[in-house]
């Protein structure tokens, strides 16, 4: 806590104007940031799932299959329903809907900032396994407080604000 993890993600997203330095990422990659409290635009559920890239060509069958995979089967018949989805869904449902979005949009870079914190351990495990299986070419970067999430990653970035150091270690050795 307090090491600046979320601030680092905000800087990577271009949303943190304070500080100095340079953040470099591949220019041709598509990035998707999923915070602990996902943004769900008002409108149809279909639009909320495809936000922010649109994805107009995604067939309903694919959307239905992804909703089923993230345990949101009960929402399949509501794709054209207009609602304030941030108010209509629990935080756990919102997080699973955001993961469904990532699975459909297939970003090159996926940043998860406590994006599964509202899920129980079994659902979180299922979500990370889905991400690894369905997004094999996506680089996934997570902030998570549960140690079990580490098994789905190859490296750990440790930020020590007191020592003003950043260390990257391979998790294959652990």
N, C-alpha and C. Protein backbone atom coordinates (compact mmCIF):
# COMPACT_ATOMS: atom_id res chain seq x y z
N UNK A 1 0.83 -1.19 0.00
CA UNK A 1 0.00 0.00 0.00
C UNK A 1 0.87 1.24 0.00
N UNK A 2 0.43 2.24 -0.73
CA UNK A 2 1.11 3.52 -0.75
C UNK A 2 2.37 3.59 -1.58
N UNK A 3 2.63 2.57 -2.39
CA UNK A 3 3.86 2.59 -3.18
C UNK A 3 3.68 3.25 -4.54
N UNK A 4 2.46 3.57 -4.92
CA UNK A 4 2.23 4.26 -6.18
C UNK A 4 1.83 3.35 -7.33
N UNK A 5 1.32 2.17 -7.02
CA UNK A 5 0.95 1.20 -8.08
C UNK A 5 -0.13 1.78 -9.01
N UNK A 6 -1.19 2.28 -8.43
CA UNK A 6 -2.27 2.84 -9.24
C UNK A 6 -1.81 4.09 -9.97
N UNK A 7 -0.96 4.87 -9.34
CA UNK A 7 -0.41 6.06 -9.99
C UNK A 7 0.42 5.65 -11.21
N UNK A 8 1.18 4.57 -11.09
CA UNK A 8 1.94 4.07 -12.23
C UNK A 8 1.01 3.70 -13.38
N UNK A 9 -0.09 3.02 -13.08
CA UNK A 9 -1.06 2.67 -14.13
C UNK A 9 -1.66 3.92 -14.75
N UNK A 10 -1.96 4.91 -13.93
CA UNK A 10 -2.52 6.17 -14.46
C UNK A 10 -1.51 6.87 -15.37
N UNK A 11 -0.25 6.81 -15.00
CA UNK A 11 0.80 7.40 -15.85
C UNK A 11 0.89 6.64 -17.17
N UNK A 12 0.82 5.31 -17.12
CA UNK A 12 0.86 4.51 -18.35
C UNK A 12 -0.33 4.82 -19.26
N UNK A 13 -1.48 5.13 -18.66
CA UNK A 13 -2.67 5.45 -19.43
C UNK A 13 -2.68 6.90 -19.90
N UNK A 14 -1.71 7.70 -19.44
CA UNK A 14 -1.67 9.11 -19.82
C UNK A 14 -2.63 9.96 -19.01
N UNK A 15 -3.06 9.47 -17.84
CA UNK A 15 -4.04 10.18 -17.02
C UNK A 15 -3.43 10.86 -15.80
N UNK A 16 -2.12 10.77 -15.62
CA UNK A 16 -1.46 11.34 -14.45
C UNK A 16 -0.50 12.43 -14.90
N UNK A 17 -0.90 13.71 -14.74
CA UNK A 17 -0.07 14.80 -15.26
C UNK A 17 1.04 15.25 -14.33
N UNK A 18 1.10 14.66 -13.13
CA UNK A 18 2.08 15.10 -12.15
C UNK A 18 3.35 14.26 -12.25
N UNK A 19 4.44 14.80 -11.79
CA UNK A 19 5.70 14.08 -11.82
C UNK A 19 6.46 14.36 -13.10
N UNK A 20 7.56 13.65 -13.26
CA UNK A 20 8.36 13.84 -14.47
C UNK A 20 8.97 12.49 -14.84
N UNK A 21 9.43 12.43 -16.03
CA UNK A 21 10.01 11.19 -16.54
C UNK A 21 9.37 10.82 -17.86
N UNK A 22 9.70 9.64 -18.31
CA UNK A 22 9.20 9.21 -19.61
C UNK A 22 8.63 7.80 -19.47
N UNK A 23 7.47 7.62 -20.06
CA UNK A 23 6.84 6.30 -20.11
C UNK A 23 6.79 5.90 -21.58
N UNK A 24 7.39 4.75 -21.88
CA UNK A 24 7.40 4.30 -23.27
C UNK A 24 6.69 2.95 -23.38
N UNK A 25 5.84 2.85 -24.38
CA UNK A 25 5.14 1.63 -24.70
C UNK A 25 5.15 1.47 -26.21
N UNK A 26 4.96 0.26 -26.70
CA UNK A 26 4.88 0.10 -28.16
C UNK A 26 3.74 0.95 -28.72
N UNK A 27 4.05 1.73 -29.74
CA UNK A 27 3.07 2.65 -30.31
C UNK A 27 1.95 1.95 -31.06
N UNK A 28 2.22 0.77 -31.59
CA UNK A 28 1.22 0.11 -32.41
C UNK A 28 0.29 -0.82 -31.63
N UNK A 29 0.47 -0.94 -30.34
CA UNK A 29 -0.36 -1.85 -29.54
C UNK A 29 -1.60 -1.18 -29.00
N UNK A 30 -2.66 -1.96 -28.84
CA UNK A 30 -3.91 -1.48 -28.27
C UNK A 30 -3.91 -1.86 -26.79
N UNK A 31 -4.10 -0.87 -25.92
CA UNK A 31 -4.10 -1.09 -24.48
C UNK A 31 -5.51 -0.95 -23.92
N UNK A 32 -5.80 -1.75 -22.91
CA UNK A 32 -7.08 -1.67 -22.21
C UNK A 32 -6.78 -1.65 -20.72
N UNK A 33 -7.31 -0.66 -20.02
CA UNK A 33 -7.11 -0.51 -18.58
C UNK A 33 -8.42 -0.84 -17.87
N UNK A 34 -8.38 -1.78 -16.94
CA UNK A 34 -9.56 -2.15 -16.17
C UNK A 34 -9.29 -1.86 -14.70
N UNK A 35 -9.92 -0.80 -14.17
CA UNK A 35 -9.73 -0.47 -12.75
C UNK A 35 -10.63 -1.34 -11.86
N UNK A 36 -10.45 -1.20 -10.57
CA UNK A 36 -11.25 -1.95 -9.61
C UNK A 36 -12.74 -1.66 -9.79
N UNK A 37 -13.05 -0.43 -10.07
CA UNK A 37 -14.45 -0.03 -10.32
C UNK A 37 -14.55 0.31 -11.81
N UNK A 38 -14.99 -0.64 -12.63
CA UNK A 38 -14.99 -0.43 -14.08
C UNK A 38 -15.94 0.68 -14.51
N UNK A 39 -15.57 1.34 -15.59
CA UNK A 39 -16.46 2.32 -16.19
C UNK A 39 -17.42 1.59 -17.13
N UNK A 40 -18.71 1.80 -16.91
CA UNK A 40 -19.73 1.24 -17.78
C UNK A 40 -20.59 2.38 -18.30
N UNK A 41 -20.50 2.68 -19.59
CA UNK A 41 -21.29 3.79 -20.12
C UNK A 41 -22.78 3.47 -20.08
N UNK A 42 -23.59 4.52 -19.93
CA UNK A 42 -25.03 4.31 -20.01
C UNK A 42 -25.37 3.96 -21.44
N UNK A 43 -26.37 3.15 -21.61
CA UNK A 43 -26.78 2.71 -22.93
C UNK A 43 -27.09 1.24 -22.89
N UNK A 44 -26.92 0.58 -24.01
CA UNK A 44 -27.21 -0.84 -24.05
C UNK A 44 -26.08 -1.64 -23.41
N UNK A 45 -26.42 -2.82 -22.97
CA UNK A 45 -25.40 -3.72 -22.42
C UNK A 45 -24.37 -4.05 -23.49
N UNK A 46 -24.82 -4.20 -24.73
CA UNK A 46 -23.91 -4.47 -25.85
C UNK A 46 -22.86 -3.36 -25.97
N UNK A 47 -23.30 -2.10 -25.85
CA UNK A 47 -22.36 -0.97 -25.92
C UNK A 47 -21.40 -0.97 -24.74
N UNK A 48 -21.89 -1.34 -23.54
CA UNK A 48 -21.04 -1.38 -22.35
C UNK A 48 -19.96 -2.44 -22.50
N UNK A 49 -20.30 -3.57 -23.11
CA UNK A 49 -19.32 -4.64 -23.30
C UNK A 49 -18.27 -4.24 -24.32
N UNK A 50 -18.66 -3.51 -25.35
CA UNK A 50 -17.73 -3.18 -26.44
C UNK A 50 -16.95 -1.89 -26.19
N UNK A 51 -17.23 -1.18 -25.11
CA UNK A 51 -16.55 0.07 -24.79
C UNK A 51 -15.08 -0.21 -24.49
N UNK A 52 -14.12 0.59 -24.89
CA UNK A 52 -14.20 1.85 -25.61
C UNK A 52 -13.97 1.72 -27.12
N UNK A 53 -13.68 0.53 -27.62
CA UNK A 53 -13.28 0.37 -29.01
C UNK A 53 -14.42 0.08 -29.97
N UNK A 54 -15.61 -0.07 -29.48
CA UNK A 54 -16.73 -0.34 -30.38
C UNK A 54 -16.92 -1.82 -30.65
N UNK A 55 -16.17 -2.38 -31.54
CA UNK A 55 -16.30 -3.80 -31.84
C UNK A 55 -17.63 -4.14 -32.47
N UNK A 56 -18.11 -3.28 -33.39
CA UNK A 56 -19.43 -3.47 -34.00
C UNK A 56 -19.58 -4.80 -34.71
N UNK A 57 -18.49 -5.40 -35.15
CA UNK A 57 -18.58 -6.65 -35.90
C UNK A 57 -18.60 -7.90 -35.03
N UNK A 58 -18.68 -7.75 -33.72
CA UNK A 58 -18.66 -8.92 -32.84
C UNK A 58 -20.05 -9.57 -32.86
N UNK A 59 -20.14 -10.82 -33.31
CA UNK A 59 -21.45 -11.48 -33.37
C UNK A 59 -22.04 -11.74 -31.98
N UNK A 60 -23.37 -11.73 -31.90
CA UNK A 60 -24.06 -11.96 -30.63
C UNK A 60 -23.68 -13.31 -30.03
N UNK A 61 -23.43 -14.31 -30.88
CA UNK A 61 -23.06 -15.63 -30.37
C UNK A 61 -21.74 -15.58 -29.60
N UNK A 62 -20.81 -14.77 -30.10
CA UNK A 62 -19.52 -14.63 -29.42
C UNK A 62 -19.69 -13.90 -28.09
N UNK A 63 -20.51 -12.85 -28.09
CA UNK A 63 -20.78 -12.11 -26.85
C UNK A 63 -21.45 -13.04 -25.84
N UNK A 64 -22.43 -13.82 -26.29
CA UNK A 64 -23.14 -14.75 -25.40
C UNK A 64 -22.18 -15.78 -24.81
N UNK A 65 -21.28 -16.30 -25.62
CA UNK A 65 -20.32 -17.30 -25.15
C UNK A 65 -19.38 -16.70 -24.10
N UNK A 66 -18.95 -15.47 -24.32
CA UNK A 66 -18.05 -14.81 -23.36
C UNK A 66 -18.80 -14.50 -22.06
N UNK A 67 -20.05 -14.06 -22.16
CA UNK A 67 -20.84 -13.81 -20.95
C UNK A 67 -21.00 -15.10 -20.15
N UNK A 68 -21.21 -16.20 -20.84
CA UNK A 68 -21.31 -17.49 -20.18
C UNK A 68 -19.98 -17.85 -19.51
N UNK A 69 -18.88 -17.60 -20.18
CA UNK A 69 -17.55 -17.94 -19.65
C UNK A 69 -17.22 -17.18 -18.37
N UNK A 70 -17.74 -15.95 -18.24
CA UNK A 70 -17.45 -15.14 -17.04
C UNK A 70 -18.60 -15.20 -16.03
N UNK A 71 -19.46 -16.21 -16.16
CA UNK A 71 -20.58 -16.44 -15.23
C UNK A 71 -21.60 -15.29 -15.23
N UNK A 72 -21.87 -14.76 -16.42
CA UNK A 72 -22.91 -13.73 -16.57
C UNK A 72 -23.96 -14.18 -17.59
N UNK A 73 -24.24 -15.48 -17.60
CA UNK A 73 -25.20 -16.04 -18.54
C UNK A 73 -26.56 -15.35 -18.42
N UNK A 74 -26.94 -14.95 -17.21
CA UNK A 74 -28.23 -14.31 -16.99
C UNK A 74 -28.37 -12.97 -17.72
N UNK A 75 -27.27 -12.42 -18.25
CA UNK A 75 -27.33 -11.14 -18.97
C UNK A 75 -27.44 -11.31 -20.49
N UNK A 76 -27.33 -12.52 -20.99
CA UNK A 76 -27.31 -12.76 -22.44
C UNK A 76 -28.54 -12.19 -23.15
N UNK A 77 -29.70 -12.29 -22.55
CA UNK A 77 -30.94 -11.81 -23.19
C UNK A 77 -31.14 -10.31 -23.04
N UNK A 78 -30.21 -9.63 -22.38
CA UNK A 78 -30.37 -8.20 -22.09
C UNK A 78 -29.44 -7.31 -22.91
N UNK A 79 -28.84 -7.83 -23.98
CA UNK A 79 -27.85 -7.08 -24.75
C UNK A 79 -28.38 -5.75 -25.29
N UNK A 80 -29.64 -5.69 -25.66
CA UNK A 80 -30.20 -4.46 -26.23
C UNK A 80 -30.95 -3.62 -25.21
N UNK A 81 -30.87 -4.00 -23.95
CA UNK A 81 -31.54 -3.26 -22.90
C UNK A 81 -30.74 -2.01 -22.54
N UNK A 82 -31.43 -0.89 -22.47
CA UNK A 82 -30.83 0.38 -22.06
C UNK A 82 -30.87 0.48 -20.54
N UNK A 83 -29.75 0.80 -19.91
CA UNK A 83 -29.73 0.93 -18.45
C UNK A 83 -28.49 1.68 -18.02
N UNK A 84 -28.52 2.10 -16.78
CA UNK A 84 -27.33 2.61 -16.12
C UNK A 84 -26.69 1.38 -15.48
N UNK A 85 -25.82 0.70 -16.20
CA UNK A 85 -25.28 -0.60 -15.79
C UNK A 85 -24.44 -0.51 -14.53
N UNK A 86 -23.89 0.65 -14.24
CA UNK A 86 -23.13 0.82 -12.99
C UNK A 86 -24.04 0.72 -11.78
N UNK A 87 -25.30 1.06 -11.97
CA UNK A 87 -26.28 0.98 -10.88
C UNK A 87 -27.02 -0.35 -10.89
N UNK A 88 -27.17 -0.95 -12.04
CA UNK A 88 -27.97 -2.17 -12.18
C UNK A 88 -27.21 -3.44 -11.79
N UNK A 89 -25.88 -3.40 -11.86
CA UNK A 89 -25.09 -4.59 -11.60
C UNK A 89 -24.28 -4.44 -10.32
N UNK A 90 -24.06 -5.55 -9.64
CA UNK A 90 -23.18 -5.54 -8.46
C UNK A 90 -21.75 -5.26 -8.91
N UNK A 91 -20.87 -4.91 -7.99
CA UNK A 91 -19.48 -4.64 -8.35
C UNK A 91 -18.81 -5.90 -8.91
N UNK A 92 -19.15 -7.06 -8.39
CA UNK A 92 -18.60 -8.31 -8.92
C UNK A 92 -19.07 -8.55 -10.36
N UNK A 93 -20.34 -8.27 -10.64
CA UNK A 93 -20.85 -8.39 -12.01
C UNK A 93 -20.18 -7.38 -12.93
N UNK A 94 -19.97 -6.17 -12.42
CA UNK A 94 -19.30 -5.14 -13.22
C UNK A 94 -17.88 -5.58 -13.56
N UNK A 95 -17.17 -6.15 -12.60
CA UNK A 95 -15.81 -6.61 -12.86
C UNK A 95 -15.80 -7.75 -13.87
N UNK A 96 -16.74 -8.68 -13.77
CA UNK A 96 -16.79 -9.78 -14.73
C UNK A 96 -17.19 -9.28 -16.11
N UNK A 97 -18.04 -8.24 -16.17
CA UNK A 97 -18.41 -7.65 -17.46
C UNK A 97 -17.19 -6.96 -18.09
N UNK A 98 -16.38 -6.31 -17.27
CA UNK A 98 -15.16 -5.68 -17.79
C UNK A 98 -14.19 -6.73 -18.32
N UNK A 99 -14.09 -7.86 -17.65
CA UNK A 99 -13.24 -8.95 -18.14
C UNK A 99 -13.80 -9.49 -19.45
N UNK A 100 -15.12 -9.61 -19.54
CA UNK A 100 -15.75 -10.02 -20.81
C UNK A 100 -15.35 -9.06 -21.92
N UNK A 101 -15.33 -7.78 -21.60
CA UNK A 101 -14.91 -6.75 -22.57
C UNK A 101 -13.49 -7.04 -23.05
N UNK A 102 -12.59 -7.32 -22.14
CA UNK A 102 -11.20 -7.61 -22.52
C UNK A 102 -11.13 -8.85 -23.41
N UNK A 103 -11.89 -9.88 -23.06
CA UNK A 103 -11.87 -11.11 -23.84
C UNK A 103 -12.39 -10.89 -25.26
N UNK A 104 -13.36 -10.00 -25.41
CA UNK A 104 -13.92 -9.71 -26.74
C UNK A 104 -13.03 -8.79 -27.56
N UNK A 105 -12.44 -7.79 -26.91
CA UNK A 105 -11.66 -6.78 -27.63
C UNK A 105 -10.22 -7.21 -27.89
N UNK A 106 -9.73 -8.20 -27.14
CA UNK A 106 -8.40 -8.77 -27.35
C UNK A 106 -7.30 -7.69 -27.47
N UNK A 107 -7.09 -6.92 -26.40
CA UNK A 107 -6.04 -5.89 -26.46
C UNK A 107 -4.65 -6.52 -26.48
N UNK A 108 -3.67 -5.75 -26.92
CA UNK A 108 -2.28 -6.19 -26.88
C UNK A 108 -1.72 -6.10 -25.46
N UNK A 109 -2.18 -5.09 -24.74
CA UNK A 109 -1.77 -4.83 -23.36
C UNK A 109 -3.02 -4.73 -22.50
N UNK A 110 -3.08 -5.49 -21.43
CA UNK A 110 -4.23 -5.45 -20.52
C UNK A 110 -3.72 -5.12 -19.12
N UNK A 111 -4.16 -3.99 -18.60
CA UNK A 111 -3.75 -3.53 -17.27
C UNK A 111 -4.93 -3.72 -16.32
N UNK A 112 -4.72 -4.52 -15.29
CA UNK A 112 -5.76 -4.84 -14.32
C UNK A 112 -5.38 -4.25 -12.96
N UNK A 113 -6.10 -3.24 -12.54
CA UNK A 113 -5.83 -2.58 -11.27
C UNK A 113 -6.88 -3.05 -10.26
N UNK A 114 -6.57 -4.15 -9.54
CA UNK A 114 -7.52 -4.75 -8.60
C UNK A 114 -8.84 -5.07 -9.30
N UNK A 115 -8.76 -5.44 -10.57
CA UNK A 115 -9.93 -5.63 -11.42
C UNK A 115 -10.74 -6.88 -11.08
N UNK A 116 -10.23 -7.71 -10.17
CA UNK A 116 -10.97 -8.89 -9.73
C UNK A 116 -11.14 -8.90 -8.20
N UNK A 117 -10.92 -7.78 -7.56
CA UNK A 117 -10.93 -7.70 -6.10
C UNK A 117 -12.28 -8.03 -5.48
N UNK A 118 -13.37 -7.83 -6.20
CA UNK A 118 -14.70 -8.10 -5.66
C UNK A 118 -15.13 -9.55 -5.85
N UNK A 119 -14.30 -10.34 -6.50
CA UNK A 119 -14.64 -11.73 -6.77
C UNK A 119 -14.08 -12.65 -5.69
N UNK A 120 -14.76 -13.76 -5.48
CA UNK A 120 -14.20 -14.75 -4.55
C UNK A 120 -13.03 -15.45 -5.24
N UNK A 121 -12.28 -16.21 -4.48
CA UNK A 121 -11.06 -16.85 -5.00
C UNK A 121 -11.31 -17.74 -6.20
N UNK A 122 -12.39 -18.51 -6.19
CA UNK A 122 -12.68 -19.42 -7.29
C UNK A 122 -13.01 -18.66 -8.59
N UNK A 123 -13.82 -17.60 -8.49
CA UNK A 123 -14.13 -16.79 -9.67
C UNK A 123 -12.89 -16.07 -10.19
N UNK A 124 -12.06 -15.58 -9.27
CA UNK A 124 -10.83 -14.91 -9.69
C UNK A 124 -9.92 -15.88 -10.44
N UNK A 125 -9.78 -17.09 -9.91
CA UNK A 125 -8.98 -18.12 -10.57
C UNK A 125 -9.52 -18.40 -11.97
N UNK A 126 -10.82 -18.56 -12.08
CA UNK A 126 -11.44 -18.83 -13.38
C UNK A 126 -11.18 -17.69 -14.36
N UNK A 127 -11.28 -16.45 -13.88
CA UNK A 127 -11.08 -15.28 -14.74
C UNK A 127 -9.64 -15.25 -15.26
N UNK A 128 -8.65 -15.44 -14.38
CA UNK A 128 -7.26 -15.41 -14.83
C UNK A 128 -6.94 -16.55 -15.78
N UNK A 129 -7.54 -17.72 -15.55
CA UNK A 129 -7.34 -18.83 -16.48
C UNK A 129 -7.96 -18.52 -17.84
N UNK A 130 -9.13 -17.88 -17.85
CA UNK A 130 -9.75 -17.45 -19.10
C UNK A 130 -8.85 -16.46 -19.85
N UNK A 131 -8.31 -15.50 -19.11
CA UNK A 131 -7.44 -14.50 -19.74
C UNK A 131 -6.22 -15.16 -20.36
N UNK A 132 -5.59 -16.06 -19.63
CA UNK A 132 -4.40 -16.74 -20.16
C UNK A 132 -4.74 -17.60 -21.38
N UNK A 133 -5.89 -18.25 -21.36
CA UNK A 133 -6.29 -19.13 -22.46
C UNK A 133 -6.76 -18.36 -23.68
N UNK A 134 -7.63 -17.36 -23.46
CA UNK A 134 -8.24 -16.63 -24.58
C UNK A 134 -7.39 -15.49 -25.13
N UNK A 135 -6.42 -15.03 -24.35
CA UNK A 135 -5.58 -13.91 -24.78
C UNK A 135 -4.10 -14.29 -24.73
N UNK A 136 -3.70 -15.31 -25.49
CA UNK A 136 -2.32 -15.78 -25.39
C UNK A 136 -1.27 -14.77 -25.87
N UNK A 137 -1.67 -13.80 -26.69
CA UNK A 137 -0.73 -12.82 -27.22
C UNK A 137 -0.83 -11.47 -26.51
N UNK A 138 -1.63 -11.42 -25.45
CA UNK A 138 -1.81 -10.20 -24.68
C UNK A 138 -0.85 -10.18 -23.50
N UNK A 139 -0.19 -9.05 -23.30
CA UNK A 139 0.62 -8.86 -22.10
C UNK A 139 -0.31 -8.38 -21.00
N UNK A 140 -0.37 -9.14 -19.92
CA UNK A 140 -1.26 -8.82 -18.81
C UNK A 140 -0.43 -8.30 -17.64
N UNK A 141 -0.79 -7.11 -17.17
CA UNK A 141 -0.11 -6.48 -16.04
C UNK A 141 -1.18 -6.26 -14.97
N UNK A 142 -0.93 -6.82 -13.79
CA UNK A 142 -1.94 -6.77 -12.71
C UNK A 142 -1.41 -6.11 -11.46
N UNK A 143 -2.31 -5.39 -10.80
CA UNK A 143 -2.13 -5.00 -9.42
C UNK A 143 -3.14 -5.84 -8.66
N UNK A 144 -2.67 -6.61 -7.70
CA UNK A 144 -3.57 -7.45 -6.92
C UNK A 144 -2.98 -7.65 -5.53
N UNK A 145 -3.84 -7.74 -4.55
CA UNK A 145 -3.37 -7.97 -3.19
C UNK A 145 -3.40 -9.44 -2.81
N UNK A 146 -4.10 -10.25 -3.58
CA UNK A 146 -4.13 -11.69 -3.30
C UNK A 146 -2.91 -12.37 -3.91
N UNK A 147 -2.15 -13.07 -3.10
CA UNK A 147 -0.94 -13.73 -3.59
C UNK A 147 -1.21 -14.76 -4.70
N UNK A 148 -2.39 -15.36 -4.73
CA UNK A 148 -2.69 -16.39 -5.71
C UNK A 148 -2.63 -15.88 -7.15
N UNK A 149 -2.79 -14.58 -7.34
CA UNK A 149 -2.77 -14.00 -8.69
C UNK A 149 -1.37 -14.13 -9.32
N UNK A 150 -0.34 -14.19 -8.50
CA UNK A 150 1.03 -14.27 -9.01
C UNK A 150 1.25 -15.46 -9.92
N UNK A 151 0.55 -16.56 -9.70
CA UNK A 151 0.75 -17.76 -10.51
C UNK A 151 0.38 -17.57 -11.97
N UNK A 152 -0.35 -16.52 -12.28
CA UNK A 152 -0.76 -16.25 -13.67
C UNK A 152 0.16 -15.25 -14.36
N UNK A 153 1.27 -14.93 -13.73
CA UNK A 153 2.22 -13.97 -14.27
C UNK A 153 3.62 -14.54 -14.30
N UNK A 154 4.45 -13.98 -15.18
CA UNK A 154 5.83 -14.43 -15.33
C UNK A 154 6.82 -13.62 -14.51
N UNK A 155 6.44 -12.37 -14.19
CA UNK A 155 7.35 -11.48 -13.49
C UNK A 155 6.61 -10.68 -12.43
N UNK A 156 7.37 -10.21 -11.44
CA UNK A 156 6.82 -9.34 -10.40
C UNK A 156 7.62 -8.05 -10.40
N UNK A 157 6.91 -6.95 -10.36
CA UNK A 157 7.51 -5.62 -10.24
C UNK A 157 7.30 -5.19 -8.79
N UNK A 158 8.39 -4.94 -8.07
CA UNK A 158 8.31 -4.53 -6.68
C UNK A 158 8.74 -3.08 -6.60
N UNK A 159 7.86 -2.25 -6.05
CA UNK A 159 8.14 -0.83 -5.89
C UNK A 159 8.37 -0.58 -4.40
N UNK A 160 9.54 -0.05 -4.07
CA UNK A 160 9.87 0.28 -2.69
C UNK A 160 10.02 1.79 -2.59
N UNK A 161 8.94 2.49 -2.14
CA UNK A 161 9.01 3.95 -2.10
C UNK A 161 10.05 4.48 -1.12
N UNK A 162 10.29 3.76 -0.03
CA UNK A 162 11.27 4.23 0.96
C UNK A 162 12.68 4.22 0.38
N UNK A 163 13.00 3.17 -0.35
CA UNK A 163 14.34 3.07 -0.95
C UNK A 163 14.39 3.72 -2.33
N UNK A 164 13.23 4.11 -2.83
CA UNK A 164 13.11 4.73 -4.16
C UNK A 164 13.67 3.78 -5.23
N UNK A 165 13.27 2.49 -5.12
CA UNK A 165 13.74 1.51 -6.07
C UNK A 165 12.57 0.75 -6.69
N UNK A 166 12.83 0.22 -7.86
CA UNK A 166 11.90 -0.67 -8.56
C UNK A 166 12.69 -1.90 -8.96
N UNK A 167 12.16 -3.06 -8.64
CA UNK A 167 12.86 -4.31 -8.95
C UNK A 167 11.91 -5.23 -9.71
N UNK A 168 12.43 -5.87 -10.76
CA UNK A 168 11.66 -6.84 -11.52
C UNK A 168 12.29 -8.21 -11.28
N UNK A 169 11.46 -9.17 -10.84
CA UNK A 169 11.95 -10.52 -10.61
C UNK A 169 11.12 -11.51 -11.40
N UNK A 170 11.76 -12.60 -11.79
CA UNK A 170 11.08 -13.67 -12.51
C UNK A 170 10.35 -14.54 -11.51
N UNK A 171 9.10 -14.86 -11.78
CA UNK A 171 8.33 -15.72 -10.88
C UNK A 171 8.57 -17.20 -11.16
N UNK A 172 9.23 -17.50 -12.27
CA UNK A 172 9.52 -18.89 -12.60
C UNK A 172 10.44 -19.51 -11.55
N UNK A 173 11.26 -18.69 -10.92
CA UNK A 173 12.22 -19.18 -9.93
C UNK A 173 11.56 -19.39 -8.56
N UNK A 174 10.36 -18.82 -8.35
CA UNK A 174 9.71 -18.91 -7.03
C UNK A 174 8.92 -20.18 -6.88
